[in-house]
């Protein structure tokens, strides 16, 4: 699996991270958006696509 972590633009202070990548096992690209975590907790997944087999076939679909 490849995964790239992107930091949000400053005007999106409620977003902690955007992760994109390729999952060869599922044959799909994926994108995940994480919100800023509360103290002592992991960041919350706010948006996730690409968790199903062949869901996102091309980078353009991201």
C-alpha atoms as a PDB file:
ATOM      1  CA  UNK A   1       0.000   0.000   0.000  1.00  0.00           C
ATOM      2  CA  UNK A   2       1.215   3.490  -0.775  1.00  0.00           C
ATOM      3  CA  UNK A   3       0.012   6.364   1.366  1.00  0.00           C
ATOM      4  CA  UNK A   4       0.784  10.048   1.145  1.00  0.00           C
ATOM      5  CA  UNK A   5      -0.033  12.426   3.978  1.00  0.00           C
ATOM      6  CA  UNK A   6      -1.048  15.963   3.027  1.00  0.00           C
ATOM      7  CA  UNK A   7      -1.367  18.842   5.459  1.00  0.00           C
ATOM      8  CA  UNK A   8      -4.467  20.998   4.987  1.00  0.00           C
ATOM      9  CA  UNK A   9      -4.410  24.615   3.888  1.00  0.00           C
ATOM     10  CA  UNK A  10      -4.331  27.109   6.813  1.00  0.00           C
ATOM     11  CA  UNK A  11      -7.966  28.146   6.275  1.00  0.00           C
ATOM     12  CA  UNK A  12      -9.037  24.545   7.054  1.00  0.00           C
ATOM     13  CA  UNK A  13      -8.012  24.504  10.723  1.00  0.00           C
ATOM     14  CA  UNK A  14     -10.627  21.825  11.507  1.00  0.00           C
ATOM     15  CA  UNK A  15      -8.768  19.293   9.304  1.00  0.00           C
ATOM     16  CA  UNK A  16      -5.715  17.476  10.682  1.00  0.00           C
ATOM     17  CA  UNK A  17      -4.648  15.465   7.632  1.00  0.00           C
ATOM     18  CA  UNK A  18      -5.688  14.292   4.178  1.00  0.00           C
ATOM     19  CA  UNK A  19      -4.302  10.877   3.184  1.00  0.00           C
ATOM     20  CA  UNK A  20      -4.325   9.529  -0.368  1.00  0.00           C
ATOM     21  CA  UNK A  21      -2.843   6.378  -1.836  1.00  0.00           C
ATOM     22  CA  UNK A  22      -3.185   3.074  -3.652  1.00  0.00           C
ATOM     23  CA  UNK A  23      -4.245  -0.219  -2.056  1.00  0.00           C
ATOM     24  CA  UNK A  24      -3.127  -3.060  -4.369  1.00  0.00           C
ATOM     25  CA  UNK A  25      -5.018  -5.680  -2.336  1.00  0.00           C
ATOM     26  CA  UNK A  26      -8.316  -3.933  -3.020  1.00  0.00           C
ATOM     27  CA  UNK A  27      -7.248  -2.618  -6.430  1.00  0.00           C
ATOM     28  CA  UNK A  28      -8.340   0.913  -5.572  1.00  0.00           C
ATOM     29  CA  UNK A  29      -7.072   4.380  -4.825  1.00  0.00           C
ATOM     30  CA  UNK A  30      -8.279   5.860  -1.546  1.00  0.00           C
ATOM     31  CA  UNK A  31      -8.722   9.217   0.160  1.00  0.00           C
ATOM     32  CA  UNK A  32      -9.233   9.825   3.878  1.00  0.00           C
ATOM     33  CA  UNK A  33      -9.828  13.148   5.641  1.00  0.00           C
ATOM     34  CA  UNK A  34      -9.103  13.341   9.370  1.00  0.00           C
ATOM     35  CA  UNK A  35     -10.438  16.018  11.699  1.00  0.00           C
ATOM     36  CA  UNK A  36      -8.413  17.550  14.514  1.00  0.00           C
ATOM     37  CA  UNK A  37      -8.432  15.194  17.508  1.00  0.00           C
ATOM     38  CA  UNK A  38      -9.699  16.057  20.963  1.00  0.00           C
ATOM     39  CA  UNK A  39      -7.078  15.844  23.719  1.00  0.00           C
ATOM     40  CA  UNK A  40      -5.997  12.243  24.304  1.00  0.00           C
ATOM     41  CA  UNK A  41      -7.917  10.842  21.326  1.00  0.00           C
ATOM     42  CA  UNK A  42      -7.084   9.763  17.786  1.00  0.00           C
ATOM     43  CA  UNK A  43      -8.158  11.996  14.888  1.00  0.00           C
ATOM     44  CA  UNK A  44     -11.699  11.334  13.674  1.00  0.00           C
ATOM     45  CA  UNK A  45     -12.214  10.044  10.128  1.00  0.00           C
ATOM     46  CA  UNK A  46     -14.472  12.616   8.488  1.00  0.00           C
ATOM     47  CA  UNK A  47     -14.443  11.299   4.937  1.00  0.00           C
ATOM     48  CA  UNK A  48     -13.273   7.995   3.443  1.00  0.00           C
ATOM     49  CA  UNK A  49     -13.576   6.663  -0.085  1.00  0.00           C
ATOM     50  CA  UNK A  50     -11.764   3.698  -1.585  1.00  0.00           C
ATOM     51  CA  UNK A  51     -12.446   1.107   1.094  1.00  0.00           C
ATOM     52  CA  UNK A  52     -14.198  -1.296  -1.287  1.00  0.00           C
ATOM     53  CA  UNK A  53     -12.581  -3.405  -4.042  1.00  0.00           C
ATOM     54  CA  UNK A  54     -12.078  -1.483  -7.306  1.00  0.00           C
ATOM     55  CA  UNK A  55     -14.005   1.512  -5.938  1.00  0.00           C
ATOM     56  CA  UNK A  56     -11.704   4.238  -7.348  1.00  0.00           C
ATOM     57  CA  UNK A  57      -9.906   3.046 -10.467  1.00  0.00           C
ATOM     58  CA  UNK A  58      -8.048   6.222 -11.479  1.00  0.00           C
ATOM     59  CA  UNK A  59      -6.365   9.182  -9.808  1.00  0.00           C
ATOM     60  CA  UNK A  60      -8.766  11.485 -11.642  1.00  0.00           C
ATOM     61  CA  UNK A  61     -11.671   9.933  -9.712  1.00  0.00           C
ATOM     62  CA  UNK A  62     -10.142  11.019  -6.411  1.00  0.00           C
END
